[in-house]
Each structure stands twice: as C-alpha cells, then as structure tokens.
Amino acid sequence: MNRTLVGIEPELHLRHARLRFGFGILLLLIWSIASARAQDAVAVDPQAPLSMHATHLLGFEDVKGNTNGTLSIQNGAVQFQKDGQPGVQVKISSIQGVFVGEQSKQVGGVPMTLGKAAVPFGGGRVISLFSHKKYDTVTLDYVDVDGGAHGAIFQLEKGQGEVLKQQLAADRAHVTPQVVGTTKQETTGAANEAK
C-alpha cells in the first residue's frame, strides 16, 4: 500500500511556517522591549544642584498637565521649567510632604498593539506582560504665601523619585516616611449591624 498524503503535507508546512513567523515576531518584540527598558542609573553629585527630566502631571497653576520639562532643586526652591519658558518655584521650607509612588505604563503604541495581534495562539498576552515601563510619581504637598494648601504631581524615571525625596530631606523639607503594607478596615461594626 503506497499512499501519499498530499492534502496533509502542505497544511503541516503552512502551520510550521506560521509558528516560525510568530516566534520570530515574538523574539523581535522581546528584544525591542528589553533594549528599551535598559536604562543606566543616574549618578547624583551631592554638591551640584539636582536637575532631572520630569513630566508635570497636575498641580502648578501656570503649567498645563502632562508638560515635559526639567525639575530642579536650587537656591532653596524646587523649580519646574519647560524649555524656554520661565520656571514655577516652590520654596523647600513651604513643602509639607513628599510622597513617592510607582506607576506602570504600557509602551510601544500602535506597532506594539499590531505585533501583539499578529502573534498566534494568544502570544500577545505574553508580550503584554513585558511591554510595560515603570515610572516614579512624586507628590509635593506645599503651602502658598497665603496659607493655602496645594499639591503637585510629577512623573520621573524609575529610581529618580527616591533621589529627589532624599535631596529634599537633606534640604530640610518635611518628608513623609514610606508606609509599607496596607491597613485593614474595621468591619466588625458593620457585621454586628447586619445581625
């Protein structure tokens, strides 16, 4: 019995070609994500004024939200300045609290979305796990000249939030200690009322 399986062989070849293409795209995306995430730590000289790239998310009246600029500490003040425009300053002595948090954003835009859709067998979900970039968010609570309470939120590169917090603490700003863990809510009262 000499039978040839003509109908199955091209289908098998096509399936293997799709798998190779999918794995190739997956490897290309993983490589591009890994290269995008590779960042060098910034060395800080304690004698030099601190200056770093930041995004002003919210808070300062004269600055629009999501504005990129430079956040610096100099002459006893925290200053945010967009390129070519005058900066907004807050005196360090008026800062009542400095809070550092983490944020994660998905990177890659439309090409990454198309790449995730092209990967077969649900492989796009795996790519989504690795296509995130972490940022630090810094919230400054401060009091203005009239005694009004205000706040400003900035987005910094990962690790720069703690550097800014330590520099502000060294310059005698009121820095809030980091709280580890979460607190449980008291639910015994609600449970007793239901009975």
N, C-alpha and C. Protein backbone atom coordinates (compact mmCIF):
# COMPACT_ATOMS: atom_id res chain seq x y z
N MET A 1 0.82 -1.17 0.00
CA MET A 1 0.00 0.00 0.00
C MET A 1 0.87 1.24 0.00
N ASN A 2 0.97 1.82 -1.09
CA ASN A 2 1.70 3.07 -1.22
C ASN A 2 0.70 4.21 -1.32
N ARG A 3 0.54 4.91 -0.21
CA ARG A 3 -0.36 6.06 -0.21
C ARG A 3 0.48 7.32 0.01
N THR A 4 0.09 8.34 -0.65
CA THR A 4 0.74 9.64 -0.42
C THR A 4 -0.27 10.56 0.24
N LEU A 5 0.21 11.24 1.24
CA LEU A 5 -0.64 12.17 1.97
C LEU A 5 -0.43 13.57 1.41
N VAL A 6 -1.05 13.80 0.28
CA VAL A 6 -0.85 15.05 -0.42
C VAL A 6 -1.55 16.20 0.30
N GLY A 7 -2.74 15.98 0.82
CA GLY A 7 -3.52 17.05 1.43
C GLY A 7 -2.98 17.50 2.78
N ILE A 8 -2.29 16.65 3.51
CA ILE A 8 -1.85 16.99 4.86
C ILE A 8 -0.50 17.71 4.83
N GLU A 9 0.39 17.32 3.94
CA GLU A 9 1.74 17.88 3.95
C GLU A 9 1.78 19.40 3.73
N PRO A 10 1.10 19.98 2.78
CA PRO A 10 1.13 21.44 2.64
C PRO A 10 0.52 22.15 3.86
N GLU A 11 -0.50 21.55 4.45
CA GLU A 11 -1.11 22.16 5.63
C GLU A 11 -0.12 22.14 6.81
N LEU A 12 0.62 21.07 6.96
CA LEU A 12 1.61 20.97 8.02
C LEU A 12 2.74 21.98 7.80
N HIS A 13 3.16 22.09 6.55
CA HIS A 13 4.21 23.06 6.22
C HIS A 13 3.75 24.49 6.51
N LEU A 14 2.52 24.80 6.18
CA LEU A 14 1.97 26.13 6.43
C LEU A 14 1.88 26.41 7.93
N ARG A 15 1.49 25.41 8.71
CA ARG A 15 1.40 25.57 10.15
C ARG A 15 2.79 25.85 10.75
N HIS A 16 3.79 25.11 10.30
CA HIS A 16 5.16 25.33 10.79
C HIS A 16 5.67 26.71 10.38
N ALA A 17 5.34 27.16 9.20
CA ALA A 17 5.76 28.48 8.75
C ALA A 17 5.12 29.57 9.61
N ARG A 18 3.85 29.40 9.95
CA ARG A 18 3.17 30.38 10.80
C ARG A 18 3.79 30.39 12.19
N LEU A 19 4.10 29.24 12.72
CA LEU A 19 4.73 29.17 14.04
C LEU A 19 6.09 29.86 14.04
N ARG A 20 6.89 29.59 13.01
CA ARG A 20 8.20 30.23 12.93
C ARG A 20 8.07 31.74 12.81
N PHE A 21 7.11 32.19 12.01
CA PHE A 21 6.88 33.62 11.87
C PHE A 21 6.44 34.23 13.20
N GLY A 22 5.53 33.56 13.89
CA GLY A 22 5.05 34.05 15.19
C GLY A 22 6.16 34.11 16.22
N PHE A 23 6.99 33.08 16.27
CA PHE A 23 8.10 33.09 17.21
C PHE A 23 9.14 34.15 16.83
N GLY A 24 9.33 34.36 15.55
CA GLY A 24 10.24 35.41 15.10
C GLY A 24 9.76 36.79 15.54
N ILE A 25 8.47 37.05 15.36
CA ILE A 25 7.89 38.32 15.80
C ILE A 25 8.00 38.44 17.31
N LEU A 26 7.72 37.36 18.03
CA LEU A 26 7.80 37.37 19.48
C LEU A 26 9.22 37.69 19.95
N LEU A 27 10.21 37.05 19.35
CA LEU A 27 11.60 37.34 19.72
C LEU A 27 11.99 38.77 19.39
N LEU A 28 11.53 39.27 18.25
CA LEU A 28 11.82 40.66 17.88
C LEU A 28 11.20 41.63 18.88
N LEU A 29 9.97 41.38 19.30
CA LEU A 29 9.31 42.25 20.27
C LEU A 29 9.99 42.18 21.63
N ILE A 30 10.35 40.98 22.07
CA ILE A 30 11.04 40.84 23.35
C ILE A 30 12.38 41.55 23.32
N TRP A 31 13.10 41.43 22.23
CA TRP A 31 14.38 42.12 22.10
C TRP A 31 14.20 43.63 22.13
N SER A 32 13.19 44.15 21.42
CA SER A 32 12.98 45.60 21.40
C SER A 32 12.54 46.12 22.76
N ILE A 33 11.74 45.35 23.47
CA ILE A 33 11.31 45.75 24.81
C ILE A 33 12.50 45.75 25.76
N ALA A 34 13.32 44.71 25.68
CA ALA A 34 14.48 44.63 26.57
C ALA A 34 15.46 45.77 26.30
N SER A 35 15.65 46.12 25.05
CA SER A 35 16.56 47.22 24.75
C SER A 35 15.97 48.56 25.17
N ALA A 36 14.65 48.70 25.10
CA ALA A 36 14.02 49.95 25.52
C ALA A 36 14.05 50.10 27.03
N ARG A 37 13.99 48.99 27.75
CA ARG A 37 13.95 49.04 29.20
C ARG A 37 15.34 49.19 29.82
N ALA A 38 16.37 48.94 29.05
CA ALA A 38 17.73 49.04 29.60
C ALA A 38 18.04 50.51 29.84
N GLN A 39 18.19 50.84 31.11
CA GLN A 39 18.47 52.21 31.47
C GLN A 39 19.60 52.22 32.47
N ASP A 40 20.46 53.19 32.33
CA ASP A 40 21.57 53.33 33.27
C ASP A 40 21.11 54.14 34.47
N ALA A 41 21.62 53.79 35.63
CA ALA A 41 21.31 54.55 36.84
C ALA A 41 22.01 55.90 36.76
N VAL A 42 21.33 56.92 37.24
CA VAL A 42 21.88 58.27 37.19
C VAL A 42 22.69 58.52 38.45
N ALA A 43 23.94 58.89 38.30
CA ALA A 43 24.79 59.22 39.44
C ALA A 43 24.52 60.66 39.86
N VAL A 44 24.32 60.85 41.14
CA VAL A 44 23.99 62.17 41.66
C VAL A 44 25.17 62.70 42.45
N ASP A 45 25.62 63.90 42.11
CA ASP A 45 26.67 64.58 42.83
C ASP A 45 26.02 65.46 43.90
N PRO A 46 26.29 65.19 45.19
CA PRO A 46 25.61 65.97 46.22
C PRO A 46 25.97 67.45 46.22
N GLN A 47 27.09 67.83 45.63
CA GLN A 47 27.49 69.23 45.61
C GLN A 47 26.78 70.01 44.51
N ALA A 48 26.43 69.34 43.43
CA ALA A 48 25.80 70.01 42.29
C ALA A 48 24.30 70.14 42.53
N PRO A 49 23.66 71.18 41.97
CA PRO A 49 22.21 71.29 42.09
C PRO A 49 21.55 70.11 41.36
N LEU A 50 20.50 69.58 41.98
CA LEU A 50 19.81 68.42 41.41
C LEU A 50 18.92 68.89 40.27
N SER A 51 19.02 68.23 39.13
CA SER A 51 18.22 68.56 37.96
C SER A 51 17.91 67.27 37.22
N MET A 52 16.63 67.07 36.88
CA MET A 52 16.23 65.85 36.18
C MET A 52 15.04 66.13 35.28
N HIS A 53 14.92 65.29 34.26
CA HIS A 53 13.78 65.38 33.34
C HIS A 53 12.54 64.88 34.07
N ALA A 54 11.44 65.60 33.95
CA ALA A 54 10.20 65.22 34.62
C ALA A 54 9.01 65.62 33.76
N THR A 55 7.88 65.01 34.06
CA THR A 55 6.61 65.38 33.45
C THR A 55 5.70 65.89 34.55
N HIS A 56 5.25 67.12 34.40
CA HIS A 56 4.32 67.71 35.36
C HIS A 56 2.93 67.18 35.01
N LEU A 57 2.37 66.38 35.90
CA LEU A 57 1.07 65.79 35.63
C LEU A 57 -0.07 66.70 36.07
N LEU A 58 0.10 67.32 37.24
CA LEU A 58 -1.01 68.08 37.80
C LEU A 58 -0.51 68.96 38.93
N GLY A 59 -1.12 70.11 39.12
CA GLY A 59 -0.86 70.86 40.34
C GLY A 59 -0.47 72.30 40.19
N PHE A 60 0.59 72.62 39.46
CA PHE A 60 1.01 74.01 39.35
C PHE A 60 0.03 74.77 38.46
N GLU A 61 -0.36 75.96 38.91
CA GLU A 61 -1.39 76.73 38.20
C GLU A 61 -0.92 77.21 36.83
N ASP A 62 0.31 77.63 36.73
CA ASP A 62 0.80 78.23 35.49
C ASP A 62 1.34 77.21 34.49
N VAL A 63 1.24 75.92 34.81
CA VAL A 63 1.78 74.88 33.94
C VAL A 63 0.65 73.92 33.59
N LYS A 64 0.51 73.62 32.31
CA LYS A 64 -0.51 72.67 31.87
C LYS A 64 -0.15 71.25 32.30
N GLY A 65 -1.14 70.39 32.39
CA GLY A 65 -0.90 68.99 32.73
C GLY A 65 -0.16 68.27 31.62
N ASN A 66 0.57 67.23 31.99
CA ASN A 66 1.35 66.41 31.05
C ASN A 66 2.37 67.23 30.27
N THR A 67 3.03 68.16 30.96
CA THR A 67 4.05 69.01 30.34
C THR A 67 5.42 68.47 30.70
N ASN A 68 6.25 68.23 29.70
CA ASN A 68 7.62 67.78 29.93
C ASN A 68 8.52 68.97 30.19
N GLY A 69 9.46 68.78 31.10
CA GLY A 69 10.38 69.86 31.43
C GLY A 69 11.47 69.37 32.36
N THR A 70 12.08 70.29 33.07
CA THR A 70 13.18 69.99 33.98
C THR A 70 12.75 70.34 35.40
N LEU A 71 12.90 69.39 36.30
CA LEU A 71 12.63 69.59 37.72
C LEU A 71 13.97 69.70 38.41
N SER A 72 14.18 70.81 39.12
CA SER A 72 15.48 71.03 39.75
C SER A 72 15.30 71.58 41.15
N ILE A 73 16.35 71.40 41.94
CA ILE A 73 16.43 71.98 43.28
C ILE A 73 17.62 72.91 43.28
N GLN A 74 17.34 74.19 43.50
CA GLN A 74 18.42 75.17 43.55
C GLN A 74 17.95 76.41 44.30
N ASN A 75 18.86 77.02 45.01
CA ASN A 75 18.60 78.24 45.78
C ASN A 75 17.44 78.08 46.76
N GLY A 76 17.33 76.93 47.39
CA GLY A 76 16.31 76.71 48.40
C GLY A 76 14.91 76.57 47.86
N ALA A 77 14.77 76.16 46.59
CA ALA A 77 13.45 76.02 45.99
C ALA A 77 13.44 74.85 45.01
N VAL A 78 12.26 74.27 44.85
CA VAL A 78 12.03 73.26 43.81
C VAL A 78 11.47 74.01 42.62
N GLN A 79 12.08 73.82 41.45
CA GLN A 79 11.68 74.57 40.27
C GLN A 79 11.35 73.60 39.14
N PHE A 80 10.21 73.85 38.47
CA PHE A 80 9.87 73.11 37.25
C PHE A 80 9.87 74.10 36.11
N GLN A 81 10.63 73.79 35.07
CA GLN A 81 10.76 74.70 33.95
C GLN A 81 10.63 73.96 32.64
N LYS A 82 9.69 74.40 31.83
CA LYS A 82 9.58 73.90 30.47
C LYS A 82 10.60 74.63 29.63
N ASP A 83 11.16 73.96 28.63
CA ASP A 83 12.23 74.55 27.81
C ASP A 83 11.82 75.92 27.26
N GLY A 84 12.66 76.92 27.55
CA GLY A 84 12.45 78.25 27.00
C GLY A 84 11.39 79.07 27.71
N GLN A 85 10.82 78.61 28.77
CA GLN A 85 9.79 79.36 29.48
C GLN A 85 10.24 79.59 30.92
N PRO A 86 9.70 80.60 31.57
CA PRO A 86 10.07 80.83 32.97
C PRO A 86 9.57 79.69 33.85
N GLY A 87 10.33 79.39 34.89
CA GLY A 87 10.00 78.27 35.75
C GLY A 87 9.04 78.64 36.87
N VAL A 88 8.37 77.62 37.41
CA VAL A 88 7.50 77.77 38.56
C VAL A 88 8.26 77.24 39.76
N GLN A 89 8.30 78.02 40.85
CA GLN A 89 9.10 77.64 42.01
C GLN A 89 8.23 77.47 43.25
N VAL A 90 8.66 76.55 44.11
CA VAL A 90 8.08 76.34 45.43
C VAL A 90 9.24 76.29 46.40
N LYS A 91 9.20 77.12 47.43
CA LYS A 91 10.27 77.12 48.42
C LYS A 91 10.25 75.81 49.19
N ILE A 92 11.42 75.27 49.45
CA ILE A 92 11.53 74.00 50.17
C ILE A 92 10.96 74.12 51.57
N SER A 93 11.09 75.29 52.18
CA SER A 93 10.55 75.47 53.54
C SER A 93 9.03 75.40 53.58
N SER A 94 8.35 75.59 52.44
CA SER A 94 6.89 75.53 52.41
C SER A 94 6.36 74.13 52.09
N ILE A 95 7.25 73.19 51.77
CA ILE A 95 6.82 71.83 51.44
C ILE A 95 6.45 71.09 52.72
N GLN A 96 5.22 70.59 52.76
CA GLN A 96 4.69 69.90 53.93
C GLN A 96 4.78 68.38 53.82
N GLY A 97 4.93 67.86 52.62
CA GLY A 97 5.02 66.41 52.44
C GLY A 97 5.56 66.04 51.07
N VAL A 98 6.33 64.97 51.04
CA VAL A 98 6.86 64.43 49.78
C VAL A 98 6.50 62.95 49.75
N PHE A 99 5.74 62.55 48.75
CA PHE A 99 5.29 61.17 48.64
C PHE A 99 5.79 60.59 47.32
N VAL A 100 6.37 59.40 47.38
CA VAL A 100 6.89 58.73 46.19
C VAL A 100 6.09 57.46 45.95
N GLY A 101 5.66 57.27 44.73
CA GLY A 101 4.91 56.07 44.36
C GLY A 101 5.42 55.53 43.04
N GLU A 102 4.85 54.41 42.62
CA GLU A 102 5.24 53.80 41.35
C GLU A 102 4.05 53.76 40.42
N GLN A 103 4.36 53.82 39.14
CA GLN A 103 3.34 53.77 38.11
C GLN A 103 3.90 52.93 36.97
N SER A 104 3.02 52.24 36.28
CA SER A 104 3.44 51.41 35.16
C SER A 104 2.62 51.80 33.94
N LYS A 105 3.29 51.98 32.81
CA LYS A 105 2.62 52.31 31.57
C LYS A 105 2.98 51.29 30.51
N GLN A 106 2.02 50.99 29.65
CA GLN A 106 2.30 50.10 28.54
C GLN A 106 2.94 50.92 27.43
N VAL A 107 4.04 50.42 26.88
CA VAL A 107 4.79 51.14 25.86
C VAL A 107 4.62 50.45 24.52
N GLY A 108 5.00 51.14 23.48
CA GLY A 108 5.02 50.53 22.15
C GLY A 108 4.02 51.12 21.19
N GLY A 109 2.91 51.66 21.68
CA GLY A 109 1.92 52.29 20.82
C GLY A 109 1.28 51.34 19.83
N VAL A 110 0.97 51.87 18.66
CA VAL A 110 0.28 51.10 17.63
C VAL A 110 1.12 49.94 17.11
N PRO A 111 2.45 50.10 16.87
CA PRO A 111 3.22 48.95 16.40
C PRO A 111 3.20 47.78 17.38
N MET A 112 3.26 48.08 18.68
CA MET A 112 3.22 47.01 19.67
C MET A 112 1.85 46.33 19.67
N THR A 113 0.79 47.11 19.54
CA THR A 113 -0.55 46.55 19.51
C THR A 113 -0.72 45.65 18.29
N LEU A 114 -0.23 46.08 17.14
CA LEU A 114 -0.32 45.25 15.94
C LEU A 114 0.53 43.99 16.08
N GLY A 115 1.69 44.14 16.70
CA GLY A 115 2.55 42.97 16.92
C GLY A 115 1.91 41.96 17.83
N LYS A 116 1.23 42.43 18.87
CA LYS A 116 0.54 41.52 19.79
C LYS A 116 -0.60 40.81 19.08
N ALA A 117 -1.28 41.52 18.20
CA ALA A 117 -2.39 40.91 17.47
C ALA A 117 -1.89 39.88 16.46
N ALA A 118 -0.67 40.05 15.94
CA ALA A 118 -0.15 39.15 14.92
C ALA A 118 0.41 37.85 15.49
N VAL A 119 0.73 37.83 16.77
CA VAL A 119 1.31 36.63 17.36
C VAL A 119 0.21 35.59 17.55
N PRO A 120 0.41 34.40 17.02
CA PRO A 120 -0.64 33.38 17.09
C PRO A 120 -0.75 32.74 18.48
N PHE A 121 -1.84 32.06 18.67
CA PHE A 121 -2.10 31.25 19.87
C PHE A 121 -2.09 32.07 21.15
N GLY A 122 -2.59 33.28 21.11
CA GLY A 122 -2.68 34.10 22.31
C GLY A 122 -1.34 34.59 22.83
N GLY A 123 -0.32 34.60 22.00
CA GLY A 123 1.00 35.04 22.43
C GLY A 123 1.08 36.52 22.72
N GLY A 124 0.10 37.29 22.24
CA GLY A 124 0.08 38.72 22.51
C GLY A 124 -0.09 39.02 23.98
N ARG A 125 -0.74 38.12 24.69
CA ARG A 125 -0.90 38.31 26.14
C ARG A 125 0.44 38.22 26.84
N VAL A 126 1.29 37.34 26.38
CA VAL A 126 2.63 37.20 26.96
C VAL A 126 3.44 38.47 26.69
N ILE A 127 3.32 39.01 25.51
CA ILE A 127 4.04 40.24 25.16
C ILE A 127 3.57 41.39 26.05
N SER A 128 2.27 41.42 26.36
CA SER A 128 1.74 42.48 27.21
C SER A 128 2.37 42.47 28.60
N LEU A 129 2.79 41.29 29.04
CA LEU A 129 3.43 41.21 30.35
C LEU A 129 4.76 41.95 30.39
N PHE A 130 5.44 42.00 29.25
CA PHE A 130 6.78 42.58 29.20
C PHE A 130 6.82 43.98 28.58
N SER A 131 5.70 44.48 28.11
CA SER A 131 5.71 45.76 27.41
C SER A 131 5.28 46.91 28.32
N HIS A 132 5.71 46.87 29.56
CA HIS A 132 5.39 47.94 30.50
C HIS A 132 6.68 48.62 30.95
N LYS A 133 6.59 49.91 31.14
CA LYS A 133 7.72 50.68 31.65
C LYS A 133 7.28 51.29 32.98
N LYS A 134 8.16 51.22 33.97
CA LYS A 134 7.83 51.72 35.29
C LYS A 134 8.37 53.14 35.48
N TYR A 135 7.59 53.93 36.16
CA TYR A 135 7.94 55.30 36.47
C TYR A 135 7.75 55.53 37.96
N ASP A 136 8.38 56.58 38.46
CA ASP A 136 8.13 57.04 39.82
C ASP A 136 7.22 58.26 39.73
N THR A 137 6.26 58.34 40.64
CA THR A 137 5.45 59.54 40.76
C THR A 137 5.80 60.20 42.09
N VAL A 138 5.99 61.49 42.05
CA VAL A 138 6.32 62.26 43.25
C VAL A 138 5.23 63.30 43.45
N THR A 139 4.67 63.30 44.64
CA THR A 139 3.66 64.29 45.00
C THR A 139 4.26 65.23 46.04
N LEU A 140 4.20 66.51 45.76
CA LEU A 140 4.68 67.53 46.69
C LEU A 140 3.47 68.25 47.26
N ASP A 141 3.30 68.20 48.57
CA ASP A 141 2.27 68.98 49.26
C ASP A 141 2.95 70.22 49.80
N TYR A 142 2.41 71.40 49.48
CA TYR A 142 3.05 72.63 49.93
C TYR A 142 1.99 73.67 50.29
N VAL A 143 2.44 74.67 51.01
CA VAL A 143 1.59 75.77 51.44
C VAL A 143 2.05 77.03 50.73
N ASP A 144 1.08 77.78 50.17
CA ASP A 144 1.46 79.02 49.49
C ASP A 144 1.63 80.16 50.48
N VAL A 145 1.89 81.36 49.98
CA VAL A 145 2.16 82.52 50.82
C VAL A 145 0.95 82.87 51.70
N ASP A 146 -0.26 82.63 51.18
CA ASP A 146 -1.48 82.96 51.92
C ASP A 146 -1.90 81.85 52.87
N GLY A 147 -1.17 80.75 52.94
CA GLY A 147 -1.51 79.64 53.84
C GLY A 147 -2.39 78.59 53.21
N GLY A 148 -2.66 78.68 51.92
CA GLY A 148 -3.49 77.69 51.22
C GLY A 148 -2.70 76.44 50.90
N ALA A 149 -3.34 75.29 51.07
CA ALA A 149 -2.69 74.01 50.80
C ALA A 149 -2.80 73.67 49.31
N HIS A 150 -1.69 73.22 48.75
CA HIS A 150 -1.63 72.87 47.33
C HIS A 150 -0.83 71.57 47.18
N GLY A 151 -0.90 71.02 45.99
CA GLY A 151 -0.11 69.83 45.68
C GLY A 151 0.29 69.83 44.22
N ALA A 152 1.37 69.15 43.92
CA ALA A 152 1.84 69.00 42.55
C ALA A 152 2.33 67.57 42.37
N ILE A 153 2.00 66.98 41.22
CA ILE A 153 2.37 65.59 40.94
C ILE A 153 3.28 65.58 39.73
N PHE A 154 4.41 64.87 39.87
CA PHE A 154 5.39 64.75 38.79
C PHE A 154 5.65 63.29 38.49
N GLN A 155 5.97 63.02 37.24
CA GLN A 155 6.36 61.67 36.81
C GLN A 155 7.83 61.71 36.46
N LEU A 156 8.61 60.82 37.09
CA LEU A 156 10.06 60.76 36.88
C LEU A 156 10.44 59.36 36.43
N GLU A 157 11.66 59.24 35.92
CA GLU A 157 12.18 57.93 35.56
C GLU A 157 12.31 57.07 36.82
N LYS A 158 12.25 55.76 36.66
CA LYS A 158 12.34 54.83 37.79
C LYS A 158 13.61 55.09 38.58
N GLY A 159 13.47 55.23 39.90
CA GLY A 159 14.60 55.44 40.78
C GLY A 159 14.88 56.90 41.10
N GLN A 160 14.41 57.82 40.26
CA GLN A 160 14.70 59.24 40.49
C GLN A 160 13.80 59.84 41.57
N GLY A 161 12.67 59.22 41.84
CA GLY A 161 11.77 59.72 42.87
C GLY A 161 12.42 59.67 44.25
N GLU A 162 13.09 58.57 44.54
CA GLU A 162 13.78 58.45 45.84
C GLU A 162 14.95 59.41 45.93
N VAL A 163 15.65 59.65 44.81
CA VAL A 163 16.76 60.60 44.80
C VAL A 163 16.24 62.00 45.13
N LEU A 164 15.12 62.38 44.52
CA LEU A 164 14.54 63.69 44.78
C LEU A 164 14.07 63.79 46.24
N LYS A 165 13.46 62.73 46.73
CA LYS A 165 12.97 62.73 48.12
C LYS A 165 14.13 62.86 49.10
N GLN A 166 15.22 62.14 48.86
CA GLN A 166 16.38 62.22 49.74
C GLN A 166 17.03 63.61 49.69
N GLN A 167 17.07 64.20 48.51
CA GLN A 167 17.64 65.54 48.39
C GLN A 167 16.78 66.57 49.12
N LEU A 168 15.47 66.43 49.01
CA LEU A 168 14.57 67.34 49.72
C LEU A 168 14.69 67.15 51.23
N ALA A 169 14.85 65.90 51.67
CA ALA A 169 15.03 65.65 53.10
C ALA A 169 16.34 66.26 53.59
N ALA A 170 17.37 66.19 52.77
CA ALA A 170 18.65 66.79 53.14
C ALA A 170 18.55 68.31 53.20
N ASP A 171 17.64 68.88 52.41
CA ASP A 171 17.44 70.33 52.42
C ASP A 171 16.35 70.75 53.42
N ARG A 172 15.99 69.84 54.31
CA ARG A 172 15.06 70.08 55.42
C ARG A 172 13.61 70.28 55.00
N ALA A 173 13.17 69.59 53.98
CA ALA A 173 11.74 69.57 53.66
C ALA A 173 11.07 68.54 54.56
N HIS A 174 9.79 68.68 54.78
CA HIS A 174 9.04 67.72 55.60
C HIS A 174 8.75 66.49 54.74
N VAL A 175 9.52 65.44 54.93
CA VAL A 175 9.39 64.23 54.12
C VAL A 175 8.62 63.20 54.92
N THR A 176 7.59 62.64 54.31
CA THR A 176 6.76 61.63 54.95
C THR A 176 7.42 60.28 54.80
N PRO A 177 7.55 59.51 55.90
CA PRO A 177 8.17 58.19 55.78
C PRO A 177 7.30 57.26 54.94
N GLN A 178 7.97 56.33 54.25
CA GLN A 178 7.28 55.37 53.39
C GLN A 178 6.53 54.37 54.25
N VAL A 179 5.25 54.15 53.95
CA VAL A 179 4.42 53.20 54.68
C VAL A 179 4.45 51.89 53.90
N VAL A 180 4.84 50.81 54.57
CA VAL A 180 4.91 49.51 53.93
C VAL A 180 3.69 48.71 54.35
N GLY A 181 3.03 48.09 53.38
CA GLY A 181 1.85 47.27 53.68
C GLY A 181 0.59 48.12 53.65
N THR A 182 -0.54 47.46 53.86
CA THR A 182 -1.81 48.15 53.86
C THR A 182 -2.48 47.93 55.20
N THR A 183 -3.42 48.77 55.51
CA THR A 183 -4.15 48.63 56.75
C THR A 183 -5.49 47.98 56.48
N LYS A 184 -5.97 47.21 57.45
CA LYS A 184 -7.28 46.59 57.33
C LYS A 184 -8.33 47.55 57.83
N GLN A 185 -9.49 47.51 57.17
CA GLN A 185 -10.58 48.34 57.62
C GLN A 185 -11.33 47.63 58.73
N GLU A 186 -11.89 48.41 59.62
CA GLU A 186 -12.68 47.87 60.72
C GLU A 186 -14.05 47.49 60.18
N THR A 187 -14.37 46.20 60.17
CA THR A 187 -15.65 45.75 59.64
C THR A 187 -16.52 45.11 60.70
N THR A 188 -16.08 45.11 61.96
CA THR A 188 -16.87 44.46 63.00
C THR A 188 -18.17 45.19 63.24
N GLY A 189 -18.17 46.51 63.14
CA GLY A 189 -19.39 47.27 63.36
C GLY A 189 -20.44 46.96 62.30
N ALA A 190 -20.03 46.84 61.07
CA ALA A 190 -20.96 46.54 60.00
C ALA A 190 -21.49 45.12 60.14
N ALA A 191 -20.66 44.20 60.59
CA ALA A 191 -21.11 42.83 60.77
C ALA A 191 -22.14 42.73 61.89
N ASN A 192 -21.96 43.50 62.95
CA ASN A 192 -22.91 43.48 64.06
C ASN A 192 -24.22 44.14 63.68
N GLU A 193 -24.20 45.14 62.82
CA GLU A 193 -25.42 45.81 62.41
C GLU A 193 -26.27 44.92 61.52
N ALA A 194 -25.64 44.01 60.78
CA ALA A 194 -26.38 43.14 59.88
C ALA A 194 -27.14 42.07 60.63
N LYS A 195 -26.77 41.76 61.89
CA LYS A 195 -27.42 40.68 62.65
C LYS A 195 -28.72 41.07 63.21
